[in-house]
Protein backbone atom coordinates (compact mmCIF):
# COMPACT_ATOMS: atom_id res chain seq x y z
CA MET A 1 50.49 65.76 125.98
CA LYS A 2 54.27 65.56 125.84
CA ALA A 3 56.48 68.62 125.92
CA PRO A 4 57.90 69.56 122.50
CA ILE A 5 61.41 68.52 121.59
CA ASN A 6 62.37 71.87 120.07
CA TYR A 7 66.02 71.07 119.47
CA LYS A 8 65.07 68.47 116.85
CA CYS A 9 63.27 71.03 114.74
CA ILE A 10 65.25 71.83 111.59
CA GLY A 11 63.35 75.05 110.99
CA PHE A 12 62.06 76.60 107.82
CA GLU A 13 64.00 74.22 105.55
CA CYS A 14 61.75 71.41 106.77
CA LYS A 15 58.91 72.64 104.52
CA ASN A 16 60.51 70.65 101.70
CA ASN A 17 60.23 67.32 103.56
CA ASP A 18 57.38 64.82 103.71
CA PHE A 19 57.53 64.80 107.51
CA TYR A 20 56.92 68.56 107.90
CA CYS A 21 54.90 68.50 111.14
CA VAL A 22 53.27 71.92 110.67
CA ALA A 23 51.54 70.75 107.48
CA LYS A 24 50.65 67.34 108.95
CA CYS A 25 48.99 68.62 112.12
CA PRO A 26 45.26 67.83 111.77
CA ARG A 27 44.26 70.61 114.20
CA LYS A 28 46.55 73.26 112.66
CA ALA A 29 47.96 73.78 116.17
CA LEU A 30 51.60 73.99 115.08
CA SER A 31 53.45 76.92 113.62
CA ILE A 32 57.02 77.92 113.00
CA SER A 33 58.53 81.36 113.37
CA LEU A 34 61.91 82.95 113.80
CA ASN A 35 62.99 83.09 117.42
CA PRO A 36 63.04 86.75 118.56
CA MET A 37 66.45 86.08 120.13
CA TYR A 38 67.97 86.24 116.65
CA GLU A 39 66.65 89.75 116.09
CA THR A 40 67.73 90.87 119.55
CA LEU A 41 71.29 89.57 119.22
CA GLY A 42 71.68 90.72 115.66
CA ASP A 43 74.21 89.11 113.40
CA ILE A 44 77.44 89.69 115.28
CA ALA A 45 79.61 86.90 113.86
CA GLY A 46 76.80 84.37 114.14
CA LEU A 47 76.38 84.93 117.88
CA ALA A 48 72.77 83.69 117.94
CA ASP A 49 73.74 80.47 116.13
CA MET A 50 76.63 79.88 118.52
CA ILE A 51 74.42 80.38 121.58
CA THR A 52 71.69 78.13 120.16
CA GLY A 53 74.20 75.42 119.27
CA THR A 54 75.78 75.57 122.72
CA TRP A 55 72.35 75.33 124.34
CA ILE A 56 71.46 72.26 122.28
CA MET A 57 74.78 70.57 123.11
CA ALA A 58 74.36 71.33 126.83
CA GLU A 59 70.81 69.98 126.77
CA THR A 60 71.49 66.82 124.75
CA GLY A 61 75.23 66.14 124.93
CA TYR A 62 75.39 66.07 121.12
CA PRO A 63 76.00 68.63 118.37
CA PRO A 64 72.87 70.07 116.76
CA GLU A 65 71.25 68.03 113.99
CA ARG A 66 70.15 71.24 112.28
CA THR A 67 72.26 72.03 109.24
CA ASP A 68 71.53 75.76 109.26
CA LEU A 69 73.31 76.48 112.55
CA GLU A 70 76.89 77.74 112.35
CA TYR A 71 77.69 76.76 115.93
CA ASN A 72 81.42 75.95 115.58
CA THR A 73 82.85 79.23 114.41
CA GLY A 74 79.88 81.49 113.88
CA ASN A 75 78.34 82.61 110.66
CA PHE A 76 80.42 85.75 110.10
CA ARG A 77 77.78 87.33 107.90
CA ARG A 78 77.34 90.97 108.71
CA ARG A 79 74.56 93.32 107.80
CA PHE A 80 75.69 96.83 106.99
């Protein structure tokens, strides 16, 4: 079995696509959940997105394909 290619996962928004792997898995062995890192880091100017985006770029040499990551400038949403 090959190791997963996590950085290609587009996350929860994938549910709307025909190629949603979680639904297509015949053994129901796949699942998707929010990475606990996001809860730990909070929402400090999109810090979690910036770290995730940087990790993907370091691993692949390319910007993330995921559209939900605000990796350039951060998300700047704050929860009060």
